[in-house]
N, C-alpha and C. Protein backbone atom coordinates (compact mmCIF):
# COMPACT_ATOMS: atom_id res chain seq x y z
N UNK A 1 11.05 8.29 -23.31
CA UNK A 1 10.48 8.26 -21.95
C UNK A 1 9.02 7.83 -21.99
N UNK A 2 8.27 8.32 -23.01
CA UNK A 2 6.86 7.97 -23.06
C UNK A 2 6.66 6.48 -23.25
N UNK A 3 7.47 5.86 -24.13
CA UNK A 3 7.34 4.43 -24.35
C UNK A 3 7.66 3.64 -23.10
N UNK A 4 8.69 4.07 -22.36
CA UNK A 4 9.05 3.38 -21.12
C UNK A 4 7.93 3.50 -20.10
N UNK A 5 7.33 4.70 -20.01
CA UNK A 5 6.22 4.90 -19.08
C UNK A 5 5.07 3.96 -19.40
N UNK A 6 4.70 3.87 -20.67
CA UNK A 6 3.58 3.02 -21.07
C UNK A 6 3.87 1.56 -20.80
N UNK A 7 5.12 1.15 -20.96
CA UNK A 7 5.47 -0.23 -20.68
C UNK A 7 5.38 -0.53 -19.19
N UNK A 8 5.86 0.38 -18.34
CA UNK A 8 5.74 0.18 -16.90
C UNK A 8 4.28 0.05 -16.49
N UNK A 9 3.43 0.88 -17.12
CA UNK A 9 2.03 0.92 -16.71
C UNK A 9 1.18 -0.09 -17.46
N UNK A 10 1.76 -0.81 -18.40
CA UNK A 10 1.07 -1.85 -19.17
C UNK A 10 -0.20 -1.32 -19.83
N UNK A 11 -0.06 -0.24 -20.60
CA UNK A 11 -1.19 0.30 -21.34
C UNK A 11 -1.48 -0.60 -22.54
N UNK A 12 -2.75 -0.96 -22.80
CA UNK A 12 -3.08 -1.81 -23.94
C UNK A 12 -2.56 -1.25 -25.26
N UNK A 13 -2.24 -2.13 -26.21
CA UNK A 13 -1.63 -1.73 -27.46
C UNK A 13 -2.49 -0.72 -28.21
N UNK A 14 -3.80 -0.93 -28.25
CA UNK A 14 -4.67 -0.01 -28.99
C UNK A 14 -4.59 1.40 -28.43
N UNK A 15 -4.54 1.51 -27.10
CA UNK A 15 -4.42 2.82 -26.47
C UNK A 15 -3.06 3.41 -26.76
N UNK A 16 -2.04 2.58 -26.71
CA UNK A 16 -0.67 3.02 -26.99
C UNK A 16 -0.60 3.64 -28.39
N UNK A 17 -1.20 2.98 -29.39
CA UNK A 17 -1.15 3.48 -30.75
C UNK A 17 -1.92 4.79 -30.90
N UNK A 18 -3.03 4.92 -30.19
CA UNK A 18 -3.79 6.17 -30.22
C UNK A 18 -2.98 7.32 -29.66
N UNK A 19 -2.23 7.03 -28.59
CA UNK A 19 -1.40 8.06 -27.98
C UNK A 19 -0.32 8.52 -28.95
N UNK A 20 0.34 7.55 -29.60
CA UNK A 20 1.43 7.88 -30.50
C UNK A 20 0.93 8.59 -31.76
N UNK A 21 -0.17 8.08 -32.34
CA UNK A 21 -0.63 8.60 -33.63
C UNK A 21 -1.46 9.87 -33.48
N UNK A 22 -2.39 9.84 -32.51
CA UNK A 22 -3.34 10.94 -32.40
C UNK A 22 -3.08 11.87 -31.23
N UNK A 23 -2.27 11.47 -30.30
CA UNK A 23 -2.04 12.31 -29.13
C UNK A 23 -3.25 12.40 -28.24
N UNK A 24 -4.10 11.37 -28.24
CA UNK A 24 -5.34 11.39 -27.45
C UNK A 24 -5.04 11.41 -25.96
N UNK A 25 -5.98 11.95 -25.20
CA UNK A 25 -5.85 11.97 -23.74
C UNK A 25 -6.81 10.96 -23.13
N UNK A 26 -6.34 10.27 -22.10
CA UNK A 26 -7.15 9.26 -21.45
C UNK A 26 -6.94 9.33 -19.94
N UNK A 27 -7.93 8.81 -19.22
CA UNK A 27 -7.74 8.53 -17.80
C UNK A 27 -7.77 7.01 -17.65
N UNK A 28 -6.71 6.45 -17.09
CA UNK A 28 -6.57 5.01 -16.97
C UNK A 28 -6.68 4.60 -15.50
N UNK A 29 -7.33 3.49 -15.24
CA UNK A 29 -7.41 2.94 -13.89
C UNK A 29 -6.42 1.77 -13.79
N UNK A 30 -5.53 1.84 -12.82
CA UNK A 30 -4.56 0.78 -12.61
C UNK A 30 -5.15 -0.24 -11.63
N UNK A 31 -5.65 -1.33 -12.17
CA UNK A 31 -6.25 -2.37 -11.35
C UNK A 31 -5.18 -3.14 -10.58
N UNK A 32 -5.46 -3.41 -9.32
CA UNK A 32 -4.50 -4.12 -8.48
C UNK A 32 -4.53 -5.60 -8.79
N UNK A 33 -3.37 -6.14 -9.09
CA UNK A 33 -3.24 -7.57 -9.30
C UNK A 33 -3.15 -8.27 -7.95
N UNK A 34 -3.04 -9.57 -7.97
CA UNK A 34 -2.95 -10.33 -6.72
C UNK A 34 -1.73 -9.88 -5.92
N UNK A 35 -1.95 -9.60 -4.64
CA UNK A 35 -0.86 -9.13 -3.78
C UNK A 35 -0.21 -10.33 -3.11
N UNK A 36 1.11 -10.50 -3.28
CA UNK A 36 1.77 -11.65 -2.63
C UNK A 36 1.80 -11.47 -1.12
N UNK A 37 2.08 -12.55 -0.41
CA UNK A 37 2.16 -12.48 1.05
C UNK A 37 3.58 -12.16 1.49
N UNK A 38 3.69 -11.59 2.67
CA UNK A 38 5.00 -11.32 3.26
C UNK A 38 5.61 -12.62 3.78
N UNK A 39 6.91 -12.71 3.65
CA UNK A 39 7.62 -13.88 4.16
C UNK A 39 8.48 -13.42 5.35
N UNK A 40 7.80 -13.13 6.47
CA UNK A 40 8.51 -12.64 7.65
C UNK A 40 8.01 -13.36 8.90
N UNK A 41 8.82 -13.31 9.94
CA UNK A 41 8.41 -13.76 11.26
C UNK A 41 8.48 -12.55 12.19
N UNK A 42 7.32 -12.02 12.52
CA UNK A 42 7.24 -10.84 13.37
C UNK A 42 7.37 -11.22 14.84
N UNK A 43 7.89 -10.30 15.67
CA UNK A 43 7.88 -10.53 17.13
C UNK A 43 6.49 -10.75 17.69
N UNK A 44 5.44 -10.43 16.89
CA UNK A 44 4.07 -10.70 17.33
C UNK A 44 3.88 -12.17 17.68
N UNK A 45 4.62 -13.04 17.02
CA UNK A 45 4.50 -14.47 17.27
C UNK A 45 4.92 -14.85 18.69
N UNK A 46 5.73 -14.00 19.31
CA UNK A 46 6.22 -14.28 20.66
C UNK A 46 5.23 -13.84 21.73
N UNK A 47 4.19 -13.09 21.33
CA UNK A 47 3.20 -12.59 22.29
C UNK A 47 1.99 -13.52 22.33
N UNK A 48 1.27 -13.52 23.45
CA UNK A 48 -0.02 -14.23 23.45
C UNK A 48 -0.91 -13.65 22.35
N UNK A 49 -1.68 -14.49 21.71
CA UNK A 49 -2.51 -14.04 20.60
C UNK A 49 -3.48 -12.94 21.03
N UNK A 50 -3.52 -11.85 20.26
CA UNK A 50 -4.44 -10.75 20.52
C UNK A 50 -5.58 -10.79 19.49
N UNK A 51 -6.67 -10.13 19.84
CA UNK A 51 -7.81 -10.04 18.92
C UNK A 51 -7.94 -8.61 18.42
N UNK A 52 -8.08 -8.46 17.11
CA UNK A 52 -8.14 -7.14 16.48
C UNK A 52 -9.39 -7.00 15.63
N UNK A 53 -9.94 -5.78 15.63
CA UNK A 53 -10.88 -5.35 14.60
C UNK A 53 -10.19 -4.29 13.77
N UNK A 54 -10.17 -4.47 12.46
CA UNK A 54 -9.57 -3.48 11.56
C UNK A 54 -10.71 -2.74 10.87
N UNK A 55 -10.89 -1.48 11.22
CA UNK A 55 -11.95 -0.68 10.61
C UNK A 55 -11.65 -0.42 9.13
N UNK A 56 -12.68 0.01 8.40
CA UNK A 56 -12.48 0.39 7.00
C UNK A 56 -11.46 1.52 6.92
N UNK A 57 -10.56 1.42 5.96
CA UNK A 57 -9.52 2.44 5.81
C UNK A 57 -10.11 3.74 5.26
N UNK A 58 -9.42 4.84 5.55
CA UNK A 58 -9.82 6.17 5.08
C UNK A 58 -8.79 6.68 4.08
N UNK A 59 -9.28 7.33 3.04
CA UNK A 59 -8.39 7.89 2.01
C UNK A 59 -8.17 9.37 2.29
N UNK A 60 -6.94 9.75 2.62
CA UNK A 60 -6.60 11.14 2.89
C UNK A 60 -5.61 11.70 1.87
N UNK A 61 -5.53 11.05 0.71
CA UNK A 61 -4.64 11.55 -0.32
C UNK A 61 -5.15 12.88 -0.86
N UNK A 62 -4.25 13.78 -1.12
CA UNK A 62 -4.63 15.07 -1.70
C UNK A 62 -5.13 14.88 -3.12
N UNK A 63 -4.53 13.92 -3.82
CA UNK A 63 -4.88 13.66 -5.21
C UNK A 63 -4.89 12.15 -5.45
N UNK A 64 -5.93 11.64 -6.08
CA UNK A 64 -6.01 10.20 -6.32
C UNK A 64 -5.32 9.79 -7.62
N UNK A 65 -4.74 10.76 -8.34
CA UNK A 65 -3.96 10.44 -9.54
C UNK A 65 -2.62 9.87 -9.09
N UNK A 66 -2.30 8.68 -9.56
CA UNK A 66 -1.04 8.03 -9.21
C UNK A 66 0.11 8.63 -10.00
N UNK A 67 -0.15 8.87 -11.27
CA UNK A 67 0.90 9.31 -12.18
C UNK A 67 0.25 10.01 -13.36
N UNK A 68 0.89 11.02 -13.92
CA UNK A 68 0.38 11.68 -15.12
C UNK A 68 1.54 11.99 -16.06
N UNK A 69 1.25 11.91 -17.35
CA UNK A 69 2.28 12.13 -18.36
C UNK A 69 1.63 12.55 -19.66
N UNK A 70 2.04 13.70 -20.19
CA UNK A 70 1.56 14.23 -21.47
C UNK A 70 0.05 14.14 -21.61
N UNK A 71 -0.66 14.61 -20.60
CA UNK A 71 -2.11 14.66 -20.68
C UNK A 71 -2.82 13.39 -20.27
N UNK A 72 -2.08 12.37 -19.89
CA UNK A 72 -2.68 11.10 -19.48
C UNK A 72 -2.59 10.95 -17.98
N UNK A 73 -3.72 10.60 -17.37
CA UNK A 73 -3.78 10.43 -15.92
C UNK A 73 -4.03 8.97 -15.59
N UNK A 74 -3.33 8.49 -14.56
CA UNK A 74 -3.47 7.11 -14.11
C UNK A 74 -3.95 7.13 -12.66
N UNK A 75 -5.16 6.61 -12.45
CA UNK A 75 -5.77 6.67 -11.13
C UNK A 75 -5.78 5.28 -10.49
N UNK A 76 -5.95 5.27 -9.18
CA UNK A 76 -5.87 4.01 -8.44
C UNK A 76 -7.14 3.18 -8.57
N UNK A 77 -6.98 1.91 -8.31
CA UNK A 77 -8.09 0.96 -8.28
C UNK A 77 -9.14 1.45 -7.27
N UNK A 78 -10.42 1.49 -7.64
CA UNK A 78 -11.45 1.94 -6.69
C UNK A 78 -11.55 1.06 -5.45
N UNK A 79 -10.99 -0.15 -5.51
CA UNK A 79 -11.00 -1.05 -4.36
C UNK A 79 -9.72 -0.97 -3.53
N UNK A 80 -8.91 0.06 -3.77
CA UNK A 80 -7.61 0.17 -3.11
C UNK A 80 -7.71 0.04 -1.59
N UNK A 81 -8.59 0.81 -0.95
CA UNK A 81 -8.67 0.80 0.51
C UNK A 81 -9.10 -0.56 1.03
N UNK A 82 -10.06 -1.17 0.37
CA UNK A 82 -10.53 -2.50 0.79
C UNK A 82 -9.41 -3.53 0.66
N UNK A 83 -8.65 -3.44 -0.42
CA UNK A 83 -7.56 -4.40 -0.64
C UNK A 83 -6.46 -4.22 0.40
N UNK A 84 -6.09 -2.98 0.69
CA UNK A 84 -5.04 -2.73 1.68
C UNK A 84 -5.46 -3.23 3.06
N UNK A 85 -6.72 -3.01 3.41
CA UNK A 85 -7.24 -3.50 4.69
C UNK A 85 -7.18 -5.02 4.74
N UNK A 86 -7.57 -5.67 3.64
CA UNK A 86 -7.54 -7.14 3.57
C UNK A 86 -6.11 -7.67 3.71
N UNK A 87 -5.16 -6.99 3.09
CA UNK A 87 -3.76 -7.41 3.20
C UNK A 87 -3.30 -7.34 4.65
N UNK A 88 -3.66 -6.26 5.35
CA UNK A 88 -3.27 -6.13 6.76
C UNK A 88 -3.90 -7.24 7.61
N UNK A 89 -5.18 -7.53 7.38
CA UNK A 89 -5.86 -8.60 8.11
C UNK A 89 -5.15 -9.93 7.88
N UNK A 90 -4.84 -10.22 6.62
CA UNK A 90 -4.19 -11.49 6.29
C UNK A 90 -2.82 -11.59 6.95
N UNK A 91 -2.07 -10.50 6.95
CA UNK A 91 -0.71 -10.55 7.50
C UNK A 91 -0.73 -10.65 9.02
N UNK A 92 -1.67 -9.98 9.67
CA UNK A 92 -1.80 -10.14 11.13
C UNK A 92 -2.14 -11.59 11.47
N UNK A 93 -3.03 -12.18 10.67
CA UNK A 93 -3.42 -13.58 10.91
C UNK A 93 -2.23 -14.52 10.73
N UNK A 94 -1.38 -14.23 9.75
CA UNK A 94 -0.19 -15.07 9.53
C UNK A 94 0.79 -14.99 10.69
N UNK A 95 0.70 -13.91 11.45
CA UNK A 95 1.59 -13.75 12.61
C UNK A 95 0.94 -14.23 13.91
N UNK A 96 -0.11 -15.03 13.78
CA UNK A 96 -0.71 -15.67 14.95
C UNK A 96 -1.76 -14.84 15.67
N UNK A 97 -2.21 -13.75 15.06
CA UNK A 97 -3.22 -12.90 15.68
C UNK A 97 -4.61 -13.24 15.14
N UNK A 98 -5.64 -12.80 15.85
CA UNK A 98 -7.02 -13.09 15.46
C UNK A 98 -7.71 -11.79 15.05
N UNK A 99 -8.32 -11.79 13.87
CA UNK A 99 -9.04 -10.61 13.40
C UNK A 99 -10.53 -10.95 13.31
N UNK A 100 -11.36 -10.11 13.90
CA UNK A 100 -12.81 -10.31 13.91
C UNK A 100 -13.49 -9.10 13.29
N UNK A 101 -14.77 -9.22 13.01
CA UNK A 101 -15.48 -8.16 12.29
C UNK A 101 -16.27 -7.22 13.18
N UNK A 102 -16.64 -7.67 14.40
CA UNK A 102 -17.52 -6.86 15.23
C UNK A 102 -16.88 -6.54 16.58
N UNK A 103 -17.27 -5.38 17.09
CA UNK A 103 -16.78 -4.93 18.40
C UNK A 103 -17.86 -5.16 19.44
N UNK A 104 -17.48 -5.78 20.55
CA UNK A 104 -18.38 -5.95 21.69
C UNK A 104 -17.66 -5.43 22.94
N UNK A 105 -18.23 -5.65 24.09
CA UNK A 105 -17.66 -5.11 25.32
C UNK A 105 -16.25 -5.62 25.57
N UNK A 106 -16.03 -6.89 25.38
CA UNK A 106 -14.74 -7.50 25.70
C UNK A 106 -13.93 -7.92 24.47
N UNK A 107 -14.53 -7.86 23.31
CA UNK A 107 -13.85 -8.27 22.08
C UNK A 107 -13.98 -7.13 21.07
N UNK A 108 -12.90 -6.72 20.45
CA UNK A 108 -11.56 -7.29 20.46
C UNK A 108 -10.69 -6.67 21.55
N UNK A 109 -9.42 -7.09 21.60
CA UNK A 109 -8.47 -6.42 22.48
C UNK A 109 -8.11 -5.04 21.93
N UNK A 110 -7.99 -4.96 20.59
CA UNK A 110 -7.54 -3.72 19.96
C UNK A 110 -8.36 -3.42 18.71
N UNK A 111 -8.44 -2.13 18.41
CA UNK A 111 -9.08 -1.65 17.18
C UNK A 111 -8.03 -0.89 16.37
N UNK A 112 -7.94 -1.23 15.09
CA UNK A 112 -6.96 -0.58 14.21
C UNK A 112 -7.69 0.27 13.18
N UNK A 113 -7.24 1.52 13.05
CA UNK A 113 -7.76 2.42 12.01
C UNK A 113 -6.61 2.77 11.07
N UNK A 114 -6.90 2.72 9.76
CA UNK A 114 -5.87 3.00 8.77
C UNK A 114 -6.22 4.19 7.90
N UNK A 115 -5.24 5.02 7.62
CA UNK A 115 -5.39 6.17 6.73
C UNK A 115 -4.33 6.08 5.65
N UNK A 116 -4.76 6.05 4.40
CA UNK A 116 -3.83 6.06 3.27
C UNK A 116 -3.60 7.52 2.87
N UNK A 117 -2.35 7.98 2.95
CA UNK A 117 -2.07 9.37 2.58
C UNK A 117 -1.11 9.49 1.40
N UNK A 118 -0.60 8.36 0.91
CA UNK A 118 0.27 8.38 -0.27
C UNK A 118 0.15 7.08 -1.03
N UNK A 119 0.05 7.20 -2.36
CA UNK A 119 0.01 6.03 -3.23
C UNK A 119 0.41 6.54 -4.61
N UNK A 120 1.69 6.45 -4.92
CA UNK A 120 2.17 7.14 -6.12
C UNK A 120 3.24 6.33 -6.85
N UNK A 121 3.40 6.67 -8.13
CA UNK A 121 4.39 6.04 -8.98
C UNK A 121 5.02 7.11 -9.84
N UNK A 122 6.34 7.03 -10.04
CA UNK A 122 7.00 8.04 -10.86
C UNK A 122 8.24 7.48 -11.53
N UNK A 123 8.63 8.13 -12.62
CA UNK A 123 9.86 7.78 -13.31
C UNK A 123 10.76 8.99 -13.31
N UNK A 124 11.95 8.86 -12.71
CA UNK A 124 12.85 9.99 -12.54
C UNK A 124 13.47 10.43 -13.86
N UNK A 125 13.71 11.74 -13.94
CA UNK A 125 14.37 12.29 -15.13
C UNK A 125 15.60 13.08 -14.80
N UNK A 126 15.90 13.24 -13.51
CA UNK A 126 17.08 14.00 -13.11
C UNK A 126 18.35 13.18 -13.39
N UNK A 127 19.49 13.83 -13.31
CA UNK A 127 20.77 13.21 -13.65
C UNK A 127 20.99 11.91 -12.90
N UNK A 128 20.72 11.90 -11.61
CA UNK A 128 21.04 10.74 -10.79
C UNK A 128 19.89 9.75 -10.66
N UNK A 129 18.73 10.09 -11.22
CA UNK A 129 17.59 9.19 -11.11
C UNK A 129 17.03 8.83 -12.48
N UNK A 130 17.72 9.19 -13.57
CA UNK A 130 17.20 8.95 -14.91
C UNK A 130 16.93 7.45 -15.11
N UNK A 131 15.69 7.15 -15.55
CA UNK A 131 15.33 5.76 -15.79
C UNK A 131 14.93 5.00 -14.54
N UNK A 132 14.91 5.66 -13.40
CA UNK A 132 14.55 4.99 -12.15
C UNK A 132 13.05 5.14 -11.90
N UNK A 133 12.36 4.03 -11.80
CA UNK A 133 10.93 4.03 -11.50
C UNK A 133 10.74 3.74 -10.01
N UNK A 134 9.90 4.55 -9.37
CA UNK A 134 9.71 4.44 -7.93
C UNK A 134 8.23 4.39 -7.58
N UNK A 135 7.86 3.46 -6.71
CA UNK A 135 6.50 3.37 -6.16
C UNK A 135 6.57 3.67 -4.67
N UNK A 136 5.62 4.47 -4.18
CA UNK A 136 5.61 4.87 -2.77
C UNK A 136 4.20 4.75 -2.20
N UNK A 137 4.11 4.20 -0.99
CA UNK A 137 2.83 4.08 -0.29
C UNK A 137 3.00 4.58 1.13
N UNK A 138 2.09 5.46 1.56
CA UNK A 138 2.11 5.98 2.93
C UNK A 138 0.85 5.57 3.67
N UNK A 139 1.03 4.97 4.84
CA UNK A 139 -0.10 4.44 5.62
C UNK A 139 0.05 4.84 7.08
N UNK A 140 -0.96 5.53 7.60
CA UNK A 140 -0.98 5.90 9.02
C UNK A 140 -1.88 4.91 9.76
N UNK A 141 -1.32 4.23 10.75
CA UNK A 141 -2.08 3.24 11.50
C UNK A 141 -2.22 3.66 12.96
N UNK A 142 -3.43 3.58 13.47
CA UNK A 142 -3.72 3.88 14.87
C UNK A 142 -4.27 2.62 15.52
N UNK A 143 -3.60 2.17 16.56
CA UNK A 143 -4.01 0.98 17.31
C UNK A 143 -4.51 1.43 18.68
N UNK A 144 -5.76 1.13 18.99
CA UNK A 144 -6.36 1.57 20.25
C UNK A 144 -6.85 0.37 21.05
N UNK A 145 -6.74 0.49 22.38
CA UNK A 145 -7.40 -0.49 23.23
C UNK A 145 -8.91 -0.40 23.02
N UNK A 146 -9.60 -1.50 23.19
CA UNK A 146 -11.04 -1.54 22.98
C UNK A 146 -11.76 -0.46 23.79
N UNK A 147 -11.28 -0.20 25.00
CA UNK A 147 -11.95 0.82 25.84
C UNK A 147 -11.47 2.23 25.54
N UNK A 148 -10.54 2.38 24.59
CA UNK A 148 -10.07 3.71 24.18
C UNK A 148 -9.11 4.37 25.13
N UNK A 149 -8.66 3.67 26.17
CA UNK A 149 -7.82 4.30 27.19
C UNK A 149 -6.39 4.56 26.71
N UNK A 150 -5.91 3.77 25.76
CA UNK A 150 -4.56 3.96 25.25
C UNK A 150 -4.57 3.76 23.74
N UNK A 151 -3.64 4.48 23.08
CA UNK A 151 -3.54 4.31 21.64
C UNK A 151 -2.12 4.54 21.15
N UNK A 152 -1.85 3.94 20.00
CA UNK A 152 -0.54 4.05 19.36
C UNK A 152 -0.77 4.46 17.91
N UNK A 153 -0.12 5.54 17.47
CA UNK A 153 -0.28 6.03 16.10
C UNK A 153 1.10 6.25 15.47
N UNK A 154 1.24 5.79 14.23
CA UNK A 154 2.52 5.99 13.55
C UNK A 154 2.32 5.90 12.04
N UNK A 155 3.15 6.66 11.32
CA UNK A 155 3.13 6.61 9.86
C UNK A 155 4.15 5.59 9.36
N UNK A 156 3.74 4.83 8.35
CA UNK A 156 4.63 3.83 7.75
C UNK A 156 4.68 4.10 6.24
N UNK A 157 5.88 4.28 5.73
CA UNK A 157 6.06 4.57 4.32
C UNK A 157 6.87 3.46 3.67
N UNK A 158 6.25 2.81 2.71
CA UNK A 158 6.92 1.75 1.96
C UNK A 158 7.27 2.25 0.57
N UNK A 159 8.42 1.86 0.06
CA UNK A 159 8.81 2.23 -1.29
C UNK A 159 9.45 1.04 -1.98
N UNK A 160 9.48 1.13 -3.31
CA UNK A 160 10.11 0.09 -4.11
C UNK A 160 10.55 0.74 -5.41
N UNK A 161 11.77 0.46 -5.87
CA UNK A 161 12.24 1.08 -7.10
C UNK A 161 13.03 0.09 -7.95
N UNK A 162 13.03 0.36 -9.23
CA UNK A 162 13.88 -0.35 -10.19
C UNK A 162 14.52 0.70 -11.08
N UNK A 163 15.64 0.35 -11.69
CA UNK A 163 16.35 1.30 -12.52
C UNK A 163 16.70 0.68 -13.86
N UNK A 164 16.24 1.35 -14.93
CA UNK A 164 16.66 1.01 -16.28
C UNK A 164 16.09 -0.28 -16.82
N UNK A 165 16.05 -0.34 -18.14
CA UNK A 165 15.69 -1.58 -18.82
C UNK A 165 14.21 -1.90 -18.81
N UNK A 166 13.83 -2.85 -19.68
CA UNK A 166 12.46 -3.33 -19.75
C UNK A 166 12.40 -4.75 -19.21
N UNK A 167 11.20 -5.28 -19.09
CA UNK A 167 11.04 -6.65 -18.66
C UNK A 167 11.02 -6.82 -17.15
N UNK A 168 11.05 -5.70 -16.44
CA UNK A 168 10.99 -5.75 -14.98
C UNK A 168 9.56 -5.69 -14.49
N UNK A 169 9.36 -5.38 -13.21
CA UNK A 169 8.01 -5.33 -12.66
C UNK A 169 7.20 -4.18 -13.24
N UNK A 170 5.88 -4.35 -13.26
CA UNK A 170 4.98 -3.29 -13.70
C UNK A 170 4.76 -2.32 -12.54
N UNK A 171 4.09 -1.21 -12.85
CA UNK A 171 3.80 -0.21 -11.82
C UNK A 171 2.97 -0.81 -10.69
N UNK A 172 1.96 -1.62 -11.05
CA UNK A 172 1.10 -2.22 -10.02
C UNK A 172 1.89 -3.19 -9.16
N UNK A 173 2.76 -3.99 -9.78
CA UNK A 173 3.58 -4.91 -8.99
C UNK A 173 4.50 -4.14 -8.05
N UNK A 174 5.00 -3.01 -8.50
CA UNK A 174 5.86 -2.18 -7.64
C UNK A 174 5.05 -1.55 -6.51
N UNK A 175 3.85 -1.07 -6.82
CA UNK A 175 2.99 -0.49 -5.79
C UNK A 175 2.57 -1.54 -4.76
N UNK A 176 2.30 -2.75 -5.23
CA UNK A 176 1.98 -3.84 -4.30
C UNK A 176 3.13 -4.10 -3.35
N UNK A 177 4.35 -4.09 -3.88
CA UNK A 177 5.51 -4.33 -3.03
C UNK A 177 5.73 -3.19 -2.06
N UNK A 178 5.51 -1.95 -2.50
CA UNK A 178 5.62 -0.80 -1.60
C UNK A 178 4.60 -0.90 -0.47
N UNK A 179 3.37 -1.33 -0.81
CA UNK A 179 2.33 -1.54 0.19
C UNK A 179 2.77 -2.58 1.22
N UNK A 180 3.29 -3.70 0.73
CA UNK A 180 3.75 -4.75 1.63
C UNK A 180 4.91 -4.27 2.50
N UNK A 181 5.78 -3.44 1.95
CA UNK A 181 6.90 -2.93 2.74
C UNK A 181 6.42 -2.05 3.89
N UNK A 182 5.37 -1.25 3.64
CA UNK A 182 4.81 -0.41 4.71
C UNK A 182 4.20 -1.28 5.81
N UNK A 183 3.44 -2.31 5.41
CA UNK A 183 2.81 -3.22 6.38
C UNK A 183 3.87 -4.04 7.11
N UNK A 184 4.90 -4.45 6.40
CA UNK A 184 6.02 -5.17 7.04
C UNK A 184 6.64 -4.33 8.16
N UNK A 185 6.87 -3.05 7.86
CA UNK A 185 7.48 -2.18 8.88
C UNK A 185 6.59 -2.06 10.11
N UNK A 186 5.28 -2.06 9.90
CA UNK A 186 4.35 -2.03 11.03
C UNK A 186 4.46 -3.30 11.87
N UNK A 187 4.46 -4.45 11.21
CA UNK A 187 4.50 -5.72 11.93
C UNK A 187 5.82 -5.95 12.65
N UNK A 188 6.87 -5.31 12.18
CA UNK A 188 8.19 -5.47 12.80
C UNK A 188 8.55 -4.32 13.73
N UNK A 189 7.68 -3.34 13.84
CA UNK A 189 7.97 -2.13 14.61
C UNK A 189 8.09 -2.43 16.10
N UNK A 190 9.25 -2.16 16.66
CA UNK A 190 9.49 -2.43 18.08
C UNK A 190 8.59 -1.59 18.97
N UNK A 191 8.29 -0.36 18.55
CA UNK A 191 7.42 0.50 19.36
C UNK A 191 5.99 -0.05 19.41
N UNK A 192 5.52 -0.55 18.27
CA UNK A 192 4.19 -1.18 18.24
C UNK A 192 4.16 -2.42 19.11
N UNK A 193 5.18 -3.26 19.01
CA UNK A 193 5.24 -4.47 19.81
C UNK A 193 5.28 -4.14 21.30
N UNK A 194 6.03 -3.11 21.64
CA UNK A 194 6.13 -2.71 23.05
C UNK A 194 4.81 -2.18 23.57
N UNK A 195 4.07 -1.47 22.70
CA UNK A 195 2.73 -0.98 23.07
C UNK A 195 1.83 -2.15 23.42
N UNK A 196 1.88 -3.22 22.63
CA UNK A 196 1.05 -4.40 22.90
C UNK A 196 1.49 -5.08 24.21
N UNK A 197 2.77 -5.12 24.45
CA UNK A 197 3.27 -5.78 25.67
C UNK A 197 2.76 -5.07 26.94
N UNK A 198 2.76 -3.74 26.87
CA UNK A 198 2.46 -2.96 28.08
C UNK A 198 0.98 -2.68 28.27
N UNK A 199 0.19 -2.71 27.20
CA UNK A 199 -1.23 -2.32 27.33
C UNK A 199 -2.09 -3.52 27.71
């Protein structure tokens, strides 16, 4: 199990050998690789283009450790919130929306606030999940009219898993996909789209 964990997390060989030979303890930072774009057509494309400001995301995780095993802790990229915000901006833009940086009296139409409450990776050991690696991301998004008169809030949870074998995606690649799945659900959410139609 330990070797499989290290392979998923892509721990450098020198660190791997220290763990095996000396049992050393380390804290590792899982740097986020390039996040691919979503290949979807959201109903947002059917609406007149809206203007959004996406505020800096807030971290509400109880623990910033993504995964721990035999004394080793794996923590998230310090740029996690900035990267997730950038992904949301990019995906809104791909769906025909406009994202700006500053709020004025009439611009933007909407303000989005994001809260990250889950960002985790695990390898199952139970009978029915043995060898299954799972990445999970939880994101709470609040969309408000510029004047604050109406708002829409909802939690979006993205997950991604693989089972058995080596040579598959790394933990970061899985976490990136889980992040994209959460954002995809937001962009395709009928309740969110209806909020934009009516407000």
